[in-house]
C-alpha atoms as a PDB file:
ATOM      1  CA  UNK A   1     -26.063 -86.841-172.656  1.00  0.00           C
ATOM      2  CA  UNK A   2     -26.268 -87.140-176.392  1.00  0.00           C
ATOM      3  CA  UNK A   3     -28.569 -89.227-178.564  1.00  0.00           C
ATOM      4  CA  UNK A   4     -26.330 -91.205-180.892  1.00  0.00           C
ATOM      5  CA  UNK A   5     -28.007 -89.856-184.010  1.00  0.00           C
ATOM      6  CA  UNK A   6     -27.669 -86.198-183.160  1.00  0.00           C
ATOM      7  CA  UNK A   7     -24.992 -84.357-181.203  1.00  0.00           C
ATOM      8  CA  UNK A   8     -22.122 -86.836-181.277  1.00  0.00           C
ATOM      9  CA  UNK A   9     -22.748 -87.960-184.833  1.00  0.00           C
ATOM     10  CA  UNK A  10     -22.921 -84.326-185.995  1.00  0.00           C
ATOM     11  CA  UNK A  11     -19.640 -83.700-184.232  1.00  0.00           C
ATOM     12  CA  UNK A  12     -17.981 -86.496-186.160  1.00  0.00           C
ATOM     13  CA  UNK A  13     -19.405 -85.485-189.529  1.00  0.00           C
ATOM     14  CA  UNK A  14     -18.359 -81.835-189.336  1.00  0.00           C
ATOM     15  CA  UNK A  15     -15.151 -81.407-191.363  1.00  0.00           C
ATOM     16  CA  UNK A  16     -12.428 -78.917-190.474  1.00  0.00           C
ATOM     17  CA  UNK A  17     -10.813 -76.978-193.342  1.00  0.00           C
ATOM     18  CA  UNK A  18      -7.543 -78.557-194.572  1.00  0.00           C
ATOM     19  CA  UNK A  19      -5.581 -75.347-193.989  1.00  0.00           C
ATOM     20  CA  UNK A  20      -6.767 -75.237-190.362  1.00  0.00           C
ATOM     21  CA  UNK A  21      -5.758 -78.861-189.875  1.00  0.00           C
ATOM     22  CA  UNK A  22      -2.364 -78.158-191.438  1.00  0.00           C
ATOM     23  CA  UNK A  23      -1.702 -75.350-188.970  1.00  0.00           C
ATOM     24  CA  UNK A  24      -2.289 -77.827-186.155  1.00  0.00           C
ATOM     25  CA  UNK A  25      -0.093 -80.462-187.752  1.00  0.00           C
ATOM     26  CA  UNK A  26      -3.057 -82.786-188.294  1.00  0.00           C
ATOM     27  CA  UNK A  27      -3.206 -84.914-191.472  1.00  0.00           C
ATOM     28  CA  UNK A  28      -5.924 -84.157-193.976  1.00  0.00           C
ATOM     29  CA  UNK A  29      -9.020 -86.235-194.610  1.00  0.00           C
ATOM     30  CA  UNK A  30      -7.309 -88.789-196.855  1.00  0.00           C
ATOM     31  CA  UNK A  31      -4.441 -89.287-194.411  1.00  0.00           C
ATOM     32  CA  UNK A  32      -6.355 -89.420-191.151  1.00  0.00           C
ATOM     33  CA  UNK A  33      -8.536 -92.466-191.787  1.00  0.00           C
ATOM     34  CA  UNK A  34      -7.237 -95.743-190.385  1.00  0.00           C
ATOM     35  CA  UNK A  35      -7.172 -98.433-193.085  1.00  0.00           C
ATOM     36  CA  UNK A  36      -8.763-101.815-192.662  1.00  0.00           C
ATOM     37  CA  UNK A  37     -10.404-103.085-189.444  1.00  0.00           C
ATOM     38  CA  UNK A  38     -10.571-100.747-186.487  1.00  0.00           C
ATOM     39  CA  UNK A  39      -8.203-101.992-183.801  1.00  0.00           C
ATOM     40  CA  UNK A  40      -5.461-100.801-181.495  1.00  0.00           C
ATOM     41  CA  UNK A  41      -4.773 -97.345-180.040  1.00  0.00           C
ATOM     42  CA  UNK A  42      -5.806 -94.049-181.653  1.00  0.00           C
ATOM     43  CA  UNK A  43      -3.561 -92.369-184.178  1.00  0.00           C
ATOM     44  CA  UNK A  44      -0.955 -90.018-182.706  1.00  0.00           C
ATOM     45  CA  UNK A  45      -2.493 -86.900-184.266  1.00  0.00           C
ATOM     46  CA  UNK A  46      -5.786 -87.423-182.452  1.00  0.00           C
ATOM     47  CA  UNK A  47      -4.527 -85.681-179.286  1.00  0.00           C
ATOM     48  CA  UNK A  48      -3.919 -82.286-180.895  1.00  0.00           C
ATOM     49  CA  UNK A  49      -7.296 -80.628-180.315  1.00  0.00           C
ATOM     50  CA  UNK A  50      -8.215 -81.910-176.852  1.00  0.00           C
ATOM     51  CA  UNK A  51      -4.882 -82.923-175.347  1.00  0.00           C
ATOM     52  CA  UNK A  52      -3.061 -86.087-174.307  1.00  0.00           C
ATOM     53  CA  UNK A  53      -5.676 -87.366-171.886  1.00  0.00           C
ATOM     54  CA  UNK A  54      -3.709 -90.604-171.457  1.00  0.00           C
ATOM     55  CA  UNK A  55      -1.010 -88.564-169.709  1.00  0.00           C
ATOM     56  CA  UNK A  56      -3.348 -86.862-167.241  1.00  0.00           C
ATOM     57  CA  UNK A  57      -2.748 -87.990-163.670  1.00  0.00           C
ATOM     58  CA  UNK A  58      -5.517 -89.366-161.486  1.00  0.00           C
ATOM     59  CA  UNK A  59      -7.598 -86.834-159.569  1.00  0.00           C
ATOM     60  CA  UNK A  60      -8.137 -87.319-155.863  1.00  0.00           C
ATOM     61  CA  UNK A  61     -11.822 -87.237-154.867  1.00  0.00           C
ATOM     62  CA  UNK A  62     -13.795 -88.061-151.750  1.00  0.00           C
ATOM     63  CA  UNK A  63     -14.826 -91.285-153.521  1.00  0.00           C
ATOM     64  CA  UNK A  64     -11.278 -92.342-154.421  1.00  0.00           C
ATOM     65  CA  UNK A  65      -8.700 -91.781-157.146  1.00  0.00           C
ATOM     66  CA  UNK A  66     -10.365 -91.056-160.474  1.00  0.00           C
ATOM     67  CA  UNK A  67      -8.657 -91.287-163.844  1.00  0.00           C
ATOM     68  CA  UNK A  68      -9.684 -90.910-167.483  1.00  0.00           C
ATOM     69  CA  UNK A  69      -8.270 -93.511-169.895  1.00  0.00           C
ATOM     70  CA  UNK A  70      -8.886 -93.193-173.659  1.00  0.00           C
ATOM     71  CA  UNK A  71     -11.244 -95.953-174.790  1.00  0.00           C
ATOM     72  CA  UNK A  72     -10.507 -98.449-177.579  1.00  0.00           C
ATOM     73  CA  UNK A  73     -13.305 -99.579-179.864  1.00  0.00           C
ATOM     74  CA  UNK A  74     -12.352-103.265-179.569  1.00  0.00           C
ATOM     75  CA  UNK A  75     -10.813-103.620-176.112  1.00  0.00           C
ATOM     76  CA  UNK A  76     -13.631-101.828-174.278  1.00  0.00           C
ATOM     77  CA  UNK A  77     -16.531-102.778-176.513  1.00  0.00           C
ATOM     78  CA  UNK A  78     -18.207-105.408-174.318  1.00  0.00           C
ATOM     79  CA  UNK A  79     -18.270-103.168-171.255  1.00  0.00           C
ATOM     80  CA  UNK A  80     -19.439 -99.968-172.940  1.00  0.00           C
ATOM     81  CA  UNK A  81     -22.037-101.799-175.043  1.00  0.00           C
ATOM     82  CA  UNK A  82     -23.389-103.417-171.880  1.00  0.00           C
ATOM     83  CA  UNK A  83     -23.799 -99.981-170.320  1.00  0.00           C
ATOM     84  CA  UNK A  84     -25.452 -98.589-173.448  1.00  0.00           C
ATOM     85  CA  UNK A  85     -28.087-101.318-173.247  1.00  0.00           C
ATOM     86  CA  UNK A  86     -29.080-100.376-169.707  1.00  0.00           C
ATOM     87  CA  UNK A  87     -32.543 -98.766-170.093  1.00  0.00           C
ATOM     88  CA  UNK A  88     -31.569 -95.845-167.843  1.00  0.00           C
ATOM     89  CA  UNK A  89     -28.643 -95.056-170.156  1.00  0.00           C
ATOM     90  CA  UNK A  90     -30.341 -95.932-173.442  1.00  0.00           C
ATOM     91  CA  UNK A  91     -33.105 -93.409-172.787  1.00  0.00           C
ATOM     92  CA  UNK A  92     -30.637 -90.579-173.358  1.00  0.00           C
ATOM     93  CA  UNK A  93     -27.722 -92.039-175.362  1.00  0.00           C
ATOM     94  CA  UNK A  94     -29.835 -94.076-177.821  1.00  0.00           C
ATOM     95  CA  UNK A  95     -27.046 -96.583-178.478  1.00  0.00           C
ATOM     96  CA  UNK A  96     -28.869 -99.699-177.306  1.00  0.00           C
ATOM     97  CA  UNK A  97     -28.647-102.659-179.648  1.00  0.00           C
ATOM     98  CA  UNK A  98     -25.909-104.719-181.229  1.00  0.00           C
ATOM     99  CA  UNK A  99     -22.331-104.114-180.002  1.00  0.00           C
ATOM    100  CA  UNK A 100     -21.401-103.036-183.533  1.00  0.00           C
ATOM    101  CA  UNK A 101     -23.413 -99.842-183.000  1.00  0.00           C
ATOM    102  CA  UNK A 102     -21.339 -98.880-179.973  1.00  0.00           C
ATOM    103  CA  UNK A 103     -18.150 -99.974-181.743  1.00  0.00           C
ATOM    104  CA  UNK A 104     -18.792 -97.611-184.651  1.00  0.00           C
ATOM    105  CA  UNK A 105     -19.615 -94.793-182.241  1.00  0.00           C
ATOM    106  CA  UNK A 106     -16.318 -95.154-180.359  1.00  0.00           C
ATOM    107  CA  UNK A 107     -14.185 -95.903-183.421  1.00  0.00           C
ATOM    108  CA  UNK A 108     -15.406 -92.835-185.298  1.00  0.00           C
ATOM    109  CA  UNK A 109     -13.966 -90.691-182.521  1.00  0.00           C
ATOM    110  CA  UNK A 110     -10.831 -92.753-181.901  1.00  0.00           C
ATOM    111  CA  UNK A 111      -9.797 -92.519-185.548  1.00  0.00           C
ATOM    112  CA  UNK A 112     -11.302 -89.116-186.278  1.00  0.00           C
ATOM    113  CA  UNK A 113      -9.572 -85.738-186.289  1.00  0.00           C
ATOM    114  CA  UNK A 114      -9.296 -85.504-182.529  1.00  0.00           C
ATOM    115  CA  UNK A 115     -12.177 -83.168-181.711  1.00  0.00           C
ATOM    116  CA  UNK A 116     -13.795 -85.801-179.480  1.00  0.00           C
ATOM    117  CA  UNK A 117     -11.966 -88.343-177.322  1.00  0.00           C
ATOM    118  CA  UNK A 118     -13.930 -91.288-175.844  1.00  0.00           C
ATOM    119  CA  UNK A 119     -12.719 -92.378-172.400  1.00  0.00           C
ATOM    120  CA  UNK A 120     -13.371 -94.828-169.623  1.00  0.00           C
ATOM    121  CA  UNK A 121     -13.571 -93.386-166.138  1.00  0.00           C
ATOM    122  CA  UNK A 122     -11.673 -95.493-163.580  1.00  0.00           C
ATOM    123  CA  UNK A 123     -12.410 -95.078-159.878  1.00  0.00           C
ATOM    124  CA  UNK A 124      -9.646 -96.677-157.805  1.00  0.00           C
ATOM    125  CA  UNK A 125      -8.742 -98.646-160.928  1.00  0.00           C
ATOM    126  CA  UNK A 126     -12.282 -99.900-161.621  1.00  0.00           C
ATOM    127  CA  UNK A 127     -13.933 -98.926-164.919  1.00  0.00           C
ATOM    128  CA  UNK A 128     -17.306 -97.493-163.908  1.00  0.00           C
ATOM    129  CA  UNK A 129     -18.186 -94.696-166.342  1.00  0.00           C
ATOM    130  CA  UNK A 130     -17.870 -93.566-169.946  1.00  0.00           C
ATOM    131  CA  UNK A 131     -16.895 -90.025-170.998  1.00  0.00           C
ATOM    132  CA  UNK A 132     -16.438 -88.030-174.177  1.00  0.00           C
ATOM    133  CA  UNK A 133     -14.197 -84.966-173.974  1.00  0.00           C
ATOM    134  CA  UNK A 134     -14.730 -82.766-177.020  1.00  0.00           C
ATOM    135  CA  UNK A 135     -13.992 -79.344-178.478  1.00  0.00           C
ATOM    136  CA  UNK A 136     -17.338 -77.601-178.107  1.00  0.00           C
ATOM    137  CA  UNK A 137     -16.187 -74.613-180.155  1.00  0.00           C
ATOM    138  CA  UNK A 138     -15.606 -76.925-183.158  1.00  0.00           C
ATOM    139  CA  UNK A 139     -18.855 -78.821-182.649  1.00  0.00           C
ATOM    140  CA  UNK A 140     -22.288 -78.092-184.147  1.00  0.00           C
ATOM    141  CA  UNK A 141     -23.215 -77.198-180.551  1.00  0.00           C
ATOM    142  CA  UNK A 142     -21.388 -73.900-181.166  1.00  0.00           C
ATOM    143  CA  UNK A 143     -24.226 -72.852-183.479  1.00  0.00           C
ATOM    144  CA  UNK A 144     -26.558 -72.733-180.473  1.00  0.00           C
ATOM    145  CA  UNK A 145     -24.607 -70.664-177.969  1.00  0.00           C
ATOM    146  CA  UNK A 146     -21.922 -67.916-178.002  1.00  0.00           C
ATOM    147  CA  UNK A 147     -18.981 -70.297-178.064  1.00  0.00           C
ATOM    148  CA  UNK A 148     -15.490 -69.158-177.165  1.00  0.00           C
ATOM    149  CA  UNK A 149     -12.276 -70.530-178.671  1.00  0.00           C
ATOM    150  CA  UNK A 150     -11.051 -73.620-176.809  1.00  0.00           C
ATOM    151  CA  UNK A 151     -14.377 -74.344-175.062  1.00  0.00           C
ATOM    152  CA  UNK A 152     -14.267 -77.991-173.963  1.00  0.00           C
ATOM    153  CA  UNK A 153     -17.424 -80.073-173.659  1.00  0.00           C
ATOM    154  CA  UNK A 154     -18.151 -83.292-171.823  1.00  0.00           C
ATOM    155  CA  UNK A 155     -20.650 -86.136-172.208  1.00  0.00           C
ATOM    156  CA  UNK A 156     -20.827 -88.894-169.625  1.00  0.00           C
ATOM    157  CA  UNK A 157     -22.684 -91.866-168.277  1.00  0.00           C
ATOM    158  CA  UNK A 158     -22.299 -93.721-164.999  1.00  0.00           C
ATOM    159  CA  UNK A 159     -22.186 -97.402-165.908  1.00  0.00           C
ATOM    160  CA  UNK A 160     -23.358 -99.638-163.087  1.00  0.00           C
ATOM    161  CA  UNK A 161     -26.608 -99.076-161.268  1.00  0.00           C
ATOM    162  CA  UNK A 162     -24.840 -99.427-157.914  1.00  0.00           C
ATOM    163  CA  UNK A 163     -22.765 -96.343-158.747  1.00  0.00           C
ATOM    164  CA  UNK A 164     -25.821 -94.177-159.390  1.00  0.00           C
ATOM    165  CA  UNK A 165     -27.948 -92.292-156.925  1.00  0.00           C
ATOM    166  CA  UNK A 166     -25.234 -91.671-154.346  1.00  0.00           C
ATOM    167  CA  UNK A 167     -23.729 -88.387-155.496  1.00  0.00           C
ATOM    168  CA  UNK A 168     -20.881 -89.803-157.563  1.00  0.00           C
ATOM    169  CA  UNK A 169     -21.920 -87.945-160.696  1.00  0.00           C
ATOM    170  CA  UNK A 170     -21.330 -84.482-159.287  1.00  0.00           C
ATOM    171  CA  UNK A 171     -18.073 -85.552-157.637  1.00  0.00           C
ATOM    172  CA  UNK A 172     -16.649 -87.001-160.841  1.00  0.00           C
ATOM    173  CA  UNK A 173     -17.892 -84.190-163.083  1.00  0.00           C
ATOM    174  CA  UNK A 174     -16.120 -81.692-160.829  1.00  0.00           C
ATOM    175  CA  UNK A 175     -12.930 -83.788-160.986  1.00  0.00           C
ATOM    176  CA  UNK A 176     -13.035 -84.002-164.784  1.00  0.00           C
ATOM    177  CA  UNK A 177     -13.749 -80.290-165.180  1.00  0.00           C
ATOM    178  CA  UNK A 178     -10.785 -79.532-162.916  1.00  0.00           C
ATOM    179  CA  UNK A 179      -8.557 -81.840-164.973  1.00  0.00           C
ATOM    180  CA  UNK A 180      -9.600 -80.101-168.180  1.00  0.00           C
ATOM    181  CA  UNK A 181      -8.932 -76.635-166.770  1.00  0.00           C
ATOM    182  CA  UNK A 182      -5.599 -77.809-165.376  1.00  0.00           C
ATOM    183  CA  UNK A 183      -4.368 -79.339-168.624  1.00  0.00           C
ATOM    184  CA  UNK A 184      -5.971 -76.941-171.114  1.00  0.00           C
ATOM    185  CA  UNK A 185      -4.828 -73.455-170.012  1.00  0.00           C
ATOM    186  CA  UNK A 186      -6.425 -71.802-173.058  1.00  0.00           C
ATOM    187  CA  UNK A 187      -9.836 -73.187-172.074  1.00  0.00           C
ATOM    188  CA  UNK A 188     -11.858 -70.638-170.119  1.00  0.00           C
ATOM    189  CA  UNK A 189     -15.036 -72.719-169.846  1.00  0.00           C
ATOM    190  CA  UNK A 190     -16.126 -76.334-169.648  1.00  0.00           C
ATOM    191  CA  UNK A 191     -19.613 -76.914-171.051  1.00  0.00           C
ATOM    192  CA  UNK A 192     -22.181 -79.686-171.297  1.00  0.00           C
ATOM    193  CA  UNK A 193     -25.625 -80.052-172.873  1.00  0.00           C
ATOM    194  CA  UNK A 194     -27.622 -82.780-171.088  1.00  0.00           C
ATOM    195  CA  UNK A 195     -31.240 -83.421-171.936  1.00  0.00           C
ATOM    196  CA  UNK A 196     -33.325 -81.088-169.783  1.00  0.00           C
ATOM    197  CA  UNK A 197     -35.498 -84.110-168.903  1.00  0.00           C
ATOM    198  CA  UNK A 198     -32.489 -85.822-167.342  1.00  0.00           C
ATOM    199  CA  UNK A 199     -32.919 -84.102-164.006  1.00  0.00           C
ATOM    200  CA  UNK A 200     -30.316 -86.285-162.284  1.00  0.00           C
ATOM    201  CA  UNK A 201     -27.687 -85.221-164.811  1.00  0.00           C
ATOM    202  CA  UNK A 202     -28.585 -81.536-164.590  1.00  0.00           C
ATOM    203  CA  UNK A 203     -28.463 -81.720-160.782  1.00  0.00           C
ATOM    204  CA  UNK A 204     -25.046 -83.413-160.936  1.00  0.00           C
ATOM    205  CA  UNK A 205     -23.646 -80.621-163.093  1.00  0.00           C
ATOM    206  CA  UNK A 206     -25.076 -77.981-160.771  1.00  0.00           C
ATOM    207  CA  UNK A 207     -23.479 -79.787-157.836  1.00  0.00           C
ATOM    208  CA  UNK A 208     -20.155 -79.772-159.681  1.00  0.00           C
ATOM    209  CA  UNK A 209     -20.059 -75.987-159.943  1.00  0.00           C
ATOM    210  CA  UNK A 210     -21.723 -75.572-163.329  1.00  0.00           C
ATOM    211  CA  UNK A 211     -24.470 -73.038-163.947  1.00  0.00           C
ATOM    212  CA  UNK A 212     -27.525 -73.415-166.151  1.00  0.00           C
ATOM    213  CA  UNK A 213     -26.851 -70.866-168.882  1.00  0.00           C
ATOM    214  CA  UNK A 214     -29.576 -71.534-171.449  1.00  0.00           C
ATOM    215  CA  UNK A 215     -32.009 -74.026-172.933  1.00  0.00           C
ATOM    216  CA  UNK A 216     -32.337 -74.764-176.638  1.00  0.00           C
ATOM    217  CA  UNK A 217     -33.554 -77.531-178.947  1.00  0.00           C
ATOM    218  CA  UNK A 218     -31.143 -80.087-180.365  1.00  0.00           C
ATOM    219  CA  UNK A 219     -32.066 -83.118-182.496  1.00  0.00           C
ATOM    220  CA  UNK A 220     -33.945 -85.531-180.252  1.00  0.00           C
ATOM    221  CA  UNK A 221     -33.941 -83.412-177.117  1.00  0.00           C
ATOM    222  CA  UNK A 222     -34.178 -80.017-175.469  1.00  0.00           C
ATOM    223  CA  UNK A 223     -30.719 -79.280-174.118  1.00  0.00           C
ATOM    224  CA  UNK A 224     -29.719 -77.566-170.905  1.00  0.00           C
ATOM    225  CA  UNK A 225     -26.474 -75.648-171.495  1.00  0.00           C
ATOM    226  CA  UNK A 226     -24.330 -76.118-168.402  1.00  0.00           C
ATOM    227  CA  UNK A 227     -21.220 -73.940-168.008  1.00  0.00           C
ATOM    228  CA  UNK A 228     -18.282 -74.141-165.588  1.00  0.00           C
ATOM    229  CA  UNK A 229     -16.211 -70.944-165.690  1.00  0.00           C
ATOM    230  CA  UNK A 230     -12.469 -71.020-165.045  1.00  0.00           C
ATOM    231  CA  UNK A 231     -12.777 -67.670-163.290  1.00  0.00           C
ATOM    232  CA  UNK A 232     -15.054 -69.243-160.673  1.00  0.00           C
ATOM    233  CA  UNK A 233     -13.058 -72.458-160.341  1.00  0.00           C
ATOM    234  CA  UNK A 234     -11.876 -71.734-156.769  1.00  0.00           C
ATOM    235  CA  UNK A 235     -15.236 -70.359-155.648  1.00  0.00           C
ATOM    236  CA  UNK A 236     -17.813 -72.959-156.698  1.00  0.00           C
END
């Protein structure tokens, strides 16, 4: 789970070449920035690199129906900021503080070039987690491991304390990984890079069918590279 001043911020600052964006039908830098105050839904082009997550159906799990819904910087600010100020979350996300800090973090993705999509996780219609689905192969993370084209990465946090410590993390991570592999046929692997000190997170990924592939330093943490292979999807 990323410190705010390292992995996610690096992801947002990395610029794709204009010719590459043009091939994907994505506006260039001057066109893609939303003018004025950040409000409302993301721009239409922001689904090109990760997919139209808003259209993904709910996944059935043993805990209930789980769905990802793209987050809005204004609409969801109070809830996500509240979660970010929980000490258990803040220790790894480093977004505790004024709501404006969380707002900027979400808005930068919502109105960026589409490489990272912030989402709420709804369990039986109840918002209880926050997720970021991102193109790992276009992220600075790709400098630290042998990335493949179309690798998709995930960051997450479980919001309420009552939802932690009862195995939900592994169940939901497996559901999200399955959704990604279902809707992104060119993706052969889903990856994550939790802090190696976050043993609960690492255990949840292992329980969801990921393997620990490597460890390496990232700004603010030592990361555990977790990998879920499409080829092993029906086995693990």
